[in-house]
Amino acid sequence: MAHTRPGLRPSPPRGTCLTTSLRFIVLGREEIEAGVRVEVPHVVISIADPGSRRPAVATIGARRDVLVVRFHDAEPVEGLALPPAIRLLTPRQAAKIWRFVDQYRDTIGAIVVHCEQGMSRSPAVAAALCEALGGDPRPFFDEFAPNRHVYELVLRAARRAPKEA
């Protein structure tokens, strides 16, 4: 599915969602900006910190669309107030992520999800989408440290979405 060319990184073999037809590619900002070849039609979910420079998404291949979502890599903790500047993923943003994927899921072969480091927010989104689409999210929890708040909100948004008739 991936080929190397001078100056272009192949899509990494991580982020396999078992029992679905979609491949998930989980990356950090540095990796997505360096360029990744994805041989199948795909969409990109670009997660960035609020106030940061917009990531330069460099996927090569049949990219269909890019969704940019901004929130910090933080989780609510009972009894602890987060600093006012911290912006968590909201239910509205989670629903937007699900609608974006749902719009394209029958016409793509991969979902590329990236955040700043590719270790918490992006694998959380990938794991939730994988599970919502009938797959097994365990590989994301085995290989990464998914943000539980992000995972739960995206999964909840997918489960609450209207079903096709």
N, C-alpha and C. Protein backbone atom coordinates (compact mmCIF):
# COMPACT_ATOMS: atom_id res chain seq x y z
N MET A 1 0.82 -1.19 0.00
CA MET A 1 0.00 0.00 0.00
C MET A 1 0.86 1.26 0.00
N ALA A 2 2.11 1.16 0.41
CA ALA A 2 2.97 2.34 0.47
C ALA A 2 4.24 2.09 -0.33
N HIS A 3 4.71 3.14 -0.97
CA HIS A 3 5.93 3.06 -1.75
C HIS A 3 6.83 4.22 -1.36
N THR A 4 8.13 3.97 -1.35
CA THR A 4 9.08 5.01 -1.01
C THR A 4 9.62 5.64 -2.29
N ARG A 5 9.79 6.95 -2.26
CA ARG A 5 10.36 7.72 -3.35
C ARG A 5 11.28 8.74 -2.69
N PRO A 6 12.36 9.16 -3.33
CA PRO A 6 13.24 10.14 -2.69
C PRO A 6 12.45 11.33 -2.18
N GLY A 7 12.68 11.69 -0.91
CA GLY A 7 12.03 12.84 -0.32
C GLY A 7 10.60 12.58 0.14
N LEU A 8 10.14 11.36 0.03
CA LEU A 8 8.76 11.05 0.41
C LEU A 8 8.75 9.81 1.28
N ARG A 9 8.15 9.93 2.45
CA ARG A 9 8.11 8.80 3.38
C ARG A 9 6.95 7.89 3.04
N PRO A 10 7.14 6.57 3.18
CA PRO A 10 6.01 5.67 2.97
C PRO A 10 5.05 5.76 4.15
N SER A 11 3.81 5.38 3.92
CA SER A 11 2.89 5.35 5.05
C SER A 11 3.32 4.24 5.99
N PRO A 12 3.41 4.54 7.29
CA PRO A 12 3.89 3.55 8.24
C PRO A 12 2.89 2.41 8.42
N PRO A 13 3.38 1.24 8.82
CA PRO A 13 2.51 0.08 8.95
C PRO A 13 1.75 0.04 10.27
N ARG A 14 1.63 1.14 10.98
CA ARG A 14 0.94 1.12 12.25
C ARG A 14 -0.49 1.62 12.10
N GLY A 15 -1.33 1.22 13.03
CA GLY A 15 -2.70 1.69 13.01
C GLY A 15 -3.64 0.76 12.28
N THR A 16 -3.47 -0.53 12.43
CA THR A 16 -4.35 -1.47 11.76
C THR A 16 -5.62 -1.64 12.55
N CYS A 17 -6.74 -1.46 11.89
CA CYS A 17 -8.04 -1.66 12.52
C CYS A 17 -8.59 -2.99 12.02
N LEU A 18 -8.60 -3.96 12.89
CA LEU A 18 -9.03 -5.29 12.49
C LEU A 18 -10.54 -5.33 12.26
N THR A 19 -10.96 -6.11 11.30
CA THR A 19 -12.35 -6.38 10.93
C THR A 19 -13.06 -5.22 10.24
N THR A 20 -12.34 -4.22 9.81
CA THR A 20 -12.97 -3.21 8.95
C THR A 20 -12.17 -3.15 7.66
N SER A 21 -12.76 -2.59 6.65
CA SER A 21 -12.08 -2.49 5.37
C SER A 21 -11.19 -1.24 5.30
N LEU A 22 -11.27 -0.38 6.30
CA LEU A 22 -10.48 0.85 6.30
C LEU A 22 -9.16 0.67 7.03
N ARG A 23 -8.13 1.25 6.50
CA ARG A 23 -6.83 1.28 7.16
C ARG A 23 -6.71 2.62 7.88
N PHE A 24 -6.17 2.60 9.07
CA PHE A 24 -5.95 3.82 9.83
C PHE A 24 -4.45 4.07 9.90
N ILE A 25 -4.05 5.29 9.59
CA ILE A 25 -2.64 5.68 9.66
C ILE A 25 -2.55 6.78 10.70
N VAL A 26 -1.82 6.52 11.77
CA VAL A 26 -1.69 7.45 12.89
C VAL A 26 -0.31 8.08 12.83
N LEU A 27 -0.27 9.41 12.82
CA LEU A 27 0.99 10.13 12.64
C LEU A 27 1.10 11.31 13.60
N GLY A 28 2.31 11.85 13.70
CA GLY A 28 2.56 13.11 14.37
C GLY A 28 2.69 14.22 13.35
N ARG A 29 2.74 15.46 13.81
CA ARG A 29 2.85 16.62 12.91
C ARG A 29 4.08 16.52 12.01
N GLU A 30 5.22 16.17 12.59
CA GLU A 30 6.46 16.10 11.81
C GLU A 30 6.32 15.11 10.66
N GLU A 31 5.71 13.97 10.94
CA GLU A 31 5.53 12.94 9.90
C GLU A 31 4.59 13.40 8.79
N ILE A 32 3.46 14.00 9.16
CA ILE A 32 2.49 14.42 8.14
C ILE A 32 3.06 15.55 7.29
N GLU A 33 3.84 16.43 7.92
CA GLU A 33 4.42 17.54 7.16
C GLU A 33 5.59 17.10 6.29
N ALA A 34 6.25 16.00 6.64
CA ALA A 34 7.34 15.47 5.83
C ALA A 34 6.81 14.81 4.55
N GLY A 35 5.57 14.39 4.58
CA GLY A 35 4.96 13.77 3.40
C GLY A 35 4.81 12.28 3.56
N VAL A 36 3.62 11.79 3.32
CA VAL A 36 3.31 10.37 3.42
C VAL A 36 2.52 9.97 2.18
N ARG A 37 2.96 8.90 1.53
CA ARG A 37 2.25 8.40 0.36
C ARG A 37 1.20 7.41 0.84
N VAL A 38 -0.03 7.64 0.43
CA VAL A 38 -1.14 6.75 0.74
C VAL A 38 -1.73 6.34 -0.60
N GLU A 39 -1.61 5.08 -0.94
CA GLU A 39 -1.95 4.60 -2.28
C GLU A 39 -3.45 4.45 -2.54
N VAL A 40 -4.25 4.54 -1.51
CA VAL A 40 -5.69 4.38 -1.69
C VAL A 40 -6.38 5.71 -1.41
N PRO A 41 -7.60 5.88 -1.92
CA PRO A 41 -8.34 7.10 -1.58
C PRO A 41 -8.44 7.22 -0.06
N HIS A 42 -8.24 8.44 0.45
CA HIS A 42 -8.20 8.63 1.89
C HIS A 42 -8.65 10.03 2.28
N VAL A 43 -8.96 10.17 3.57
CA VAL A 43 -9.22 11.48 4.16
C VAL A 43 -8.22 11.68 5.30
N VAL A 44 -8.05 12.93 5.69
CA VAL A 44 -7.12 13.27 6.77
C VAL A 44 -7.88 14.02 7.85
N ILE A 45 -7.70 13.58 9.09
CA ILE A 45 -8.18 14.32 10.24
C ILE A 45 -6.95 14.92 10.89
N SER A 46 -6.85 16.24 10.83
CA SER A 46 -5.69 16.97 11.30
C SER A 46 -6.02 17.62 12.65
N ILE A 47 -5.36 17.16 13.69
CA ILE A 47 -5.60 17.66 15.04
C ILE A 47 -4.43 18.54 15.45
N ALA A 48 -4.76 19.76 15.84
CA ALA A 48 -3.72 20.71 16.22
C ALA A 48 -4.09 21.39 17.54
N ASP A 49 -3.09 21.91 18.22
CA ASP A 49 -3.33 22.69 19.43
C ASP A 49 -3.97 24.02 19.05
N PRO A 50 -4.90 24.51 19.85
CA PRO A 50 -5.46 25.84 19.59
C PRO A 50 -4.33 26.89 19.58
N GLY A 51 -4.38 27.78 18.61
CA GLY A 51 -3.38 28.83 18.51
C GLY A 51 -2.09 28.44 17.82
N SER A 52 -1.93 27.17 17.49
CA SER A 52 -0.71 26.74 16.79
C SER A 52 -0.86 26.96 15.29
N ARG A 53 0.28 26.92 14.61
CA ARG A 53 0.28 27.03 13.16
C ARG A 53 -0.49 25.85 12.57
N ARG A 54 -1.27 26.13 11.53
CA ARG A 54 -2.02 25.06 10.87
C ARG A 54 -1.03 24.07 10.26
N PRO A 55 -1.20 22.78 10.54
CA PRO A 55 -0.28 21.79 9.98
C PRO A 55 -0.34 21.77 8.45
N ALA A 56 0.81 21.63 7.85
CA ALA A 56 0.90 21.50 6.40
C ALA A 56 0.74 20.02 6.06
N VAL A 57 -0.47 19.62 5.76
CA VAL A 57 -0.77 18.21 5.50
C VAL A 57 -0.21 17.83 4.14
N ALA A 58 0.71 16.87 4.15
CA ALA A 58 1.37 16.45 2.92
C ALA A 58 1.16 14.96 2.71
N THR A 59 -0.05 14.60 2.30
CA THR A 59 -0.26 13.21 1.89
C THR A 59 -0.28 13.21 0.38
N ILE A 60 0.36 12.23 -0.19
CA ILE A 60 0.44 12.11 -1.63
C ILE A 60 -0.43 10.93 -2.04
N GLY A 61 -1.26 11.12 -3.00
CA GLY A 61 -2.17 10.07 -3.44
C GLY A 61 -3.56 10.64 -3.60
N ALA A 62 -4.52 9.80 -3.51
CA ALA A 62 -5.91 10.18 -3.78
C ALA A 62 -6.59 10.73 -2.52
N ARG A 63 -6.10 11.86 -2.04
CA ARG A 63 -6.70 12.47 -0.85
C ARG A 63 -8.03 13.11 -1.23
N ARG A 64 -9.07 12.79 -0.46
CA ARG A 64 -10.41 13.31 -0.72
C ARG A 64 -10.68 14.62 -0.01
N ASP A 65 -10.23 14.73 1.25
CA ASP A 65 -10.55 15.92 2.02
C ASP A 65 -9.71 15.93 3.29
N VAL A 66 -9.67 17.11 3.94
CA VAL A 66 -8.96 17.28 5.21
C VAL A 66 -9.90 17.99 6.17
N LEU A 67 -10.01 17.47 7.38
CA LEU A 67 -10.74 18.12 8.45
C LEU A 67 -9.73 18.56 9.50
N VAL A 68 -9.74 19.84 9.84
CA VAL A 68 -8.85 20.36 10.87
C VAL A 68 -9.68 20.59 12.13
N VAL A 69 -9.21 20.03 13.24
CA VAL A 69 -9.88 20.17 14.53
C VAL A 69 -8.83 20.63 15.54
N ARG A 70 -9.19 21.61 16.36
CA ARG A 70 -8.23 22.16 17.32
C ARG A 70 -8.70 21.95 18.75
N PHE A 71 -7.88 21.25 19.52
CA PHE A 71 -8.11 21.08 20.95
C PHE A 71 -6.82 20.58 21.57
N HIS A 72 -6.68 20.80 22.87
CA HIS A 72 -5.46 20.38 23.57
C HIS A 72 -5.49 18.90 23.93
N ASP A 73 -4.31 18.36 24.16
CA ASP A 73 -4.19 16.98 24.62
C ASP A 73 -4.30 16.98 26.13
N ALA A 74 -5.53 17.06 26.60
CA ALA A 74 -5.80 17.07 28.03
C ALA A 74 -7.07 16.29 28.29
N GLU A 75 -7.23 15.86 29.51
CA GLU A 75 -8.43 15.12 29.91
C GLU A 75 -8.97 15.74 31.18
N PRO A 76 -10.30 15.76 31.32
CA PRO A 76 -10.85 16.28 32.57
C PRO A 76 -10.53 15.33 33.72
N VAL A 77 -10.26 15.89 34.88
CA VAL A 77 -9.97 15.10 36.07
C VAL A 77 -10.93 15.56 37.16
N GLU A 78 -11.66 14.62 37.72
CA GLU A 78 -12.63 14.96 38.76
C GLU A 78 -11.92 15.63 39.94
N GLY A 79 -12.47 16.75 40.35
CA GLY A 79 -11.92 17.48 41.48
C GLY A 79 -10.75 18.39 41.15
N LEU A 80 -10.39 18.46 39.88
CA LEU A 80 -9.27 19.29 39.46
C LEU A 80 -9.73 20.21 38.33
N ALA A 81 -9.56 21.50 38.51
CA ALA A 81 -9.93 22.46 37.48
C ALA A 81 -8.77 22.62 36.50
N LEU A 82 -9.06 22.50 35.23
CA LEU A 82 -8.03 22.72 34.22
C LEU A 82 -7.79 24.22 34.08
N PRO A 83 -6.60 24.63 33.70
CA PRO A 83 -6.35 26.05 33.45
C PRO A 83 -7.34 26.57 32.40
N PRO A 84 -7.75 27.83 32.52
CA PRO A 84 -8.77 28.38 31.61
C PRO A 84 -8.36 28.33 30.13
N ALA A 85 -7.07 28.34 29.85
CA ALA A 85 -6.62 28.35 28.46
C ALA A 85 -6.71 26.97 27.79
N ILE A 86 -6.90 25.92 28.58
CA ILE A 86 -6.95 24.57 28.02
C ILE A 86 -8.31 24.33 27.38
N ARG A 87 -8.29 23.89 26.14
CA ARG A 87 -9.51 23.60 25.38
C ARG A 87 -9.57 22.10 25.11
N LEU A 88 -10.54 21.44 25.73
CA LEU A 88 -10.76 20.01 25.51
C LEU A 88 -11.57 19.80 24.24
N LEU A 89 -11.49 18.59 23.70
CA LEU A 89 -12.39 18.22 22.62
C LEU A 89 -13.82 18.36 23.13
N THR A 90 -14.69 18.94 22.31
CA THR A 90 -16.09 19.13 22.69
C THR A 90 -16.96 18.08 22.00
N PRO A 91 -18.16 17.84 22.54
CA PRO A 91 -19.09 16.93 21.85
C PRO A 91 -19.38 17.38 20.42
N ARG A 92 -19.45 18.67 20.20
CA ARG A 92 -19.71 19.20 18.84
C ARG A 92 -18.56 18.85 17.89
N GLN A 93 -17.33 18.99 18.37
CA GLN A 93 -16.18 18.63 17.53
C GLN A 93 -16.16 17.12 17.26
N ALA A 94 -16.49 16.33 18.27
CA ALA A 94 -16.53 14.87 18.11
C ALA A 94 -17.56 14.49 17.06
N ALA A 95 -18.73 15.12 17.10
CA ALA A 95 -19.77 14.85 16.11
C ALA A 95 -19.32 15.26 14.71
N LYS A 96 -18.58 16.35 14.63
CA LYS A 96 -18.06 16.81 13.33
C LYS A 96 -17.08 15.78 12.76
N ILE A 97 -16.24 15.21 13.62
CA ILE A 97 -15.30 14.17 13.17
C ILE A 97 -16.08 12.98 12.63
N TRP A 98 -17.09 12.53 13.36
CA TRP A 98 -17.87 11.37 12.91
C TRP A 98 -18.58 11.67 11.59
N ARG A 99 -19.21 12.83 11.47
CA ARG A 99 -19.92 13.18 10.22
C ARG A 99 -18.95 13.21 9.04
N PHE A 100 -17.76 13.72 9.26
CA PHE A 100 -16.74 13.78 8.22
C PHE A 100 -16.40 12.38 7.72
N VAL A 101 -16.12 11.47 8.65
CA VAL A 101 -15.77 10.09 8.28
C VAL A 101 -16.97 9.39 7.65
N ASP A 102 -18.13 9.57 8.22
CA ASP A 102 -19.33 8.92 7.71
C ASP A 102 -19.63 9.35 6.27
N GLN A 103 -19.35 10.60 5.97
CA GLN A 103 -19.57 11.13 4.62
C GLN A 103 -18.72 10.43 3.57
N TYR A 104 -17.52 10.01 3.94
CA TYR A 104 -16.57 9.44 2.98
C TYR A 104 -16.35 7.94 3.11
N ARG A 105 -16.82 7.31 4.16
CA ARG A 105 -16.38 5.94 4.49
C ARG A 105 -16.63 4.90 3.40
N ASP A 106 -17.60 5.10 2.55
CA ASP A 106 -17.85 4.13 1.49
C ASP A 106 -17.00 4.37 0.24
N THR A 107 -16.23 5.45 0.23
CA THR A 107 -15.45 5.79 -0.96
C THR A 107 -13.96 5.90 -0.71
N ILE A 108 -13.53 5.53 0.50
CA ILE A 108 -12.11 5.62 0.84
C ILE A 108 -11.59 4.28 1.34
N GLY A 109 -10.27 4.15 1.34
CA GLY A 109 -9.64 2.93 1.86
C GLY A 109 -8.81 3.19 3.08
N ALA A 110 -8.62 4.49 3.43
CA ALA A 110 -7.79 4.81 4.60
C ALA A 110 -8.23 6.12 5.22
N ILE A 111 -7.97 6.19 6.52
CA ILE A 111 -8.16 7.43 7.28
C ILE A 111 -6.83 7.75 7.93
N VAL A 112 -6.28 8.90 7.59
CA VAL A 112 -5.03 9.36 8.18
C VAL A 112 -5.42 10.32 9.30
N VAL A 113 -4.93 10.05 10.50
CA VAL A 113 -5.21 10.91 11.65
C VAL A 113 -3.88 11.34 12.23
N HIS A 114 -3.70 12.65 12.37
CA HIS A 114 -2.46 13.11 12.98
C HIS A 114 -2.76 14.15 14.05
N CYS A 115 -1.86 14.23 15.02
CA CYS A 115 -1.87 15.29 16.02
C CYS A 115 -0.43 15.75 16.17
N GLU A 116 -0.11 16.42 17.24
CA GLU A 116 1.25 16.95 17.39
C GLU A 116 2.30 15.83 17.47
N GLN A 117 2.10 14.85 18.33
CA GLN A 117 3.08 13.78 18.51
C GLN A 117 2.64 12.43 17.94
N GLY A 118 1.36 12.25 17.67
CA GLY A 118 0.87 10.98 17.15
C GLY A 118 0.81 9.89 18.21
N MET A 119 0.65 10.27 19.47
CA MET A 119 0.66 9.28 20.54
C MET A 119 -0.63 9.23 21.37
N SER A 120 -1.42 10.30 21.38
CA SER A 120 -2.56 10.35 22.29
C SER A 120 -3.87 10.72 21.60
N ARG A 121 -3.94 11.92 21.04
CA ARG A 121 -5.20 12.36 20.41
C ARG A 121 -5.51 11.60 19.14
N SER A 122 -4.54 11.50 18.24
CA SER A 122 -4.83 10.82 16.97
C SER A 122 -5.13 9.34 17.14
N PRO A 123 -4.39 8.58 17.98
CA PRO A 123 -4.80 7.19 18.17
C PRO A 123 -6.15 7.06 18.87
N ALA A 124 -6.51 8.04 19.71
CA ALA A 124 -7.82 8.00 20.36
C ALA A 124 -8.93 8.14 19.32
N VAL A 125 -8.76 9.07 18.39
CA VAL A 125 -9.75 9.24 17.33
C VAL A 125 -9.80 7.99 16.46
N ALA A 126 -8.64 7.47 16.08
CA ALA A 126 -8.60 6.26 15.24
C ALA A 126 -9.25 5.07 15.94
N ALA A 127 -8.97 4.89 17.22
CA ALA A 127 -9.55 3.77 17.97
C ALA A 127 -11.07 3.89 18.04
N ALA A 128 -11.57 5.08 18.31
CA ALA A 128 -13.02 5.28 18.40
C ALA A 128 -13.69 5.05 17.05
N LEU A 129 -13.10 5.56 15.99
CA LEU A 129 -13.67 5.35 14.65
C LEU A 129 -13.64 3.88 14.27
N CYS A 130 -12.53 3.23 14.56
CA CYS A 130 -12.40 1.80 14.28
C CYS A 130 -13.51 1.03 14.97
N GLU A 131 -13.70 1.28 16.26
CA GLU A 131 -14.74 0.58 17.01
C GLU A 131 -16.13 0.91 16.49
N ALA A 132 -16.37 2.17 16.20
CA ALA A 132 -17.68 2.58 15.69
C ALA A 132 -18.00 1.92 14.35
N LEU A 133 -16.97 1.60 13.60
CA LEU A 133 -17.16 0.96 12.28
C LEU A 133 -17.12 -0.56 12.38
N GLY A 134 -17.15 -1.09 13.60
CA GLY A 134 -17.23 -2.53 13.78
C GLY A 134 -15.90 -3.23 13.96
N GLY A 135 -14.83 -2.46 14.12
CA GLY A 135 -13.51 -3.05 14.26
C GLY A 135 -13.08 -3.20 15.71
N ASP A 136 -11.89 -3.71 15.88
CA ASP A 136 -11.30 -3.95 17.19
C ASP A 136 -10.28 -2.84 17.48
N PRO A 137 -10.55 -1.99 18.46
CA PRO A 137 -9.64 -0.87 18.73
C PRO A 137 -8.41 -1.23 19.55
N ARG A 138 -8.31 -2.48 20.01
CA ARG A 138 -7.21 -2.86 20.91
C ARG A 138 -5.82 -2.55 20.38
N PRO A 139 -5.55 -2.72 19.08
CA PRO A 139 -4.19 -2.39 18.62
C PRO A 139 -3.78 -0.95 18.91
N PHE A 140 -4.72 -0.04 18.91
CA PHE A 140 -4.38 1.36 19.20
C PHE A 140 -4.01 1.52 20.67
N PHE A 141 -4.68 0.78 21.56
CA PHE A 141 -4.38 0.85 22.98
C PHE A 141 -3.09 0.08 23.31
N ASP A 142 -2.76 -0.92 22.51
CA ASP A 142 -1.53 -1.67 22.72
C ASP A 142 -0.30 -0.88 22.28
N GLU A 143 -0.43 -0.12 21.20
CA GLU A 143 0.72 0.56 20.61
C GLU A 143 0.87 2.02 21.04
N PHE A 144 -0.22 2.64 21.43
CA PHE A 144 -0.21 4.07 21.75
C PHE A 144 -0.78 4.30 23.15
N ALA A 145 -0.96 5.55 23.52
CA ALA A 145 -1.58 5.94 24.79
C ALA A 145 -2.76 6.86 24.48
N PRO A 146 -3.86 6.31 23.93
CA PRO A 146 -4.98 7.16 23.52
C PRO A 146 -5.58 7.98 24.66
N ASN A 147 -5.89 9.20 24.35
CA ASN A 147 -6.56 10.10 25.27
C ASN A 147 -7.98 9.57 25.48
N ARG A 148 -8.31 9.14 26.69
CA ARG A 148 -9.62 8.51 26.97
C ARG A 148 -10.79 9.46 26.74
N HIS A 149 -10.61 10.72 27.07
CA HIS A 149 -11.67 11.71 26.85
C HIS A 149 -12.01 11.80 25.37
N VAL A 150 -11.00 11.88 24.53
CA VAL A 150 -11.19 11.98 23.09
C VAL A 150 -11.84 10.70 22.56
N TYR A 151 -11.31 9.57 22.97
CA TYR A 151 -11.85 8.27 22.54
C TYR A 151 -13.34 8.17 22.88
N GLU A 152 -13.69 8.45 24.11
CA GLU A 152 -15.08 8.32 24.55
C GLU A 152 -16.02 9.29 23.85
N LEU A 153 -15.59 10.54 23.65
CA LEU A 153 -16.46 11.51 22.98
C LEU A 153 -16.69 11.15 21.51
N VAL A 154 -15.65 10.74 20.81
CA VAL A 154 -15.83 10.37 19.39
C VAL A 154 -16.68 9.11 19.28
N LEU A 155 -16.44 8.13 20.12
CA LEU A 155 -17.25 6.91 20.08
C LEU A 155 -18.72 7.23 20.40
N ARG A 156 -18.95 8.05 21.40
CA ARG A 156 -20.32 8.46 21.76
C ARG A 156 -20.99 9.21 20.59
N ALA A 157 -20.26 10.08 19.93
CA ALA A 157 -20.81 10.81 18.79
C ALA A 157 -21.23 9.86 17.67
N ALA A 158 -20.40 8.86 17.42
CA ALA A 158 -20.70 7.89 16.36
C ALA A 158 -21.94 7.07 16.73
N ARG A 159 -22.04 6.69 17.98
CA ARG A 159 -23.19 5.87 18.41
C ARG A 159 -24.49 6.66 18.43
N ARG A 160 -24.41 7.97 18.63
CA ARG A 160 -25.60 8.82 18.67
C ARG A 160 -26.03 9.30 17.29
N ALA A 161 -25.18 9.14 16.31
CA ALA A 161 -25.47 9.63 14.96
C ALA A 161 -26.67 8.87 14.38
N PRO A 162 -27.49 9.56 13.60
CA PRO A 162 -28.62 8.87 12.97
C PRO A 162 -28.12 7.75 12.06
N LYS A 163 -28.78 6.64 12.09
CA LYS A 163 -28.44 5.49 11.25
C LYS A 163 -29.13 5.64 9.91
N GLU A 164 -28.44 5.17 8.85
CA GLU A 164 -29.03 5.19 7.51
C GLU A 164 -30.18 4.19 7.45
N ALA A 165 -31.21 4.56 6.71
CA ALA A 165 -32.36 3.67 6.55
C ALA A 165 -32.11 2.60 5.52
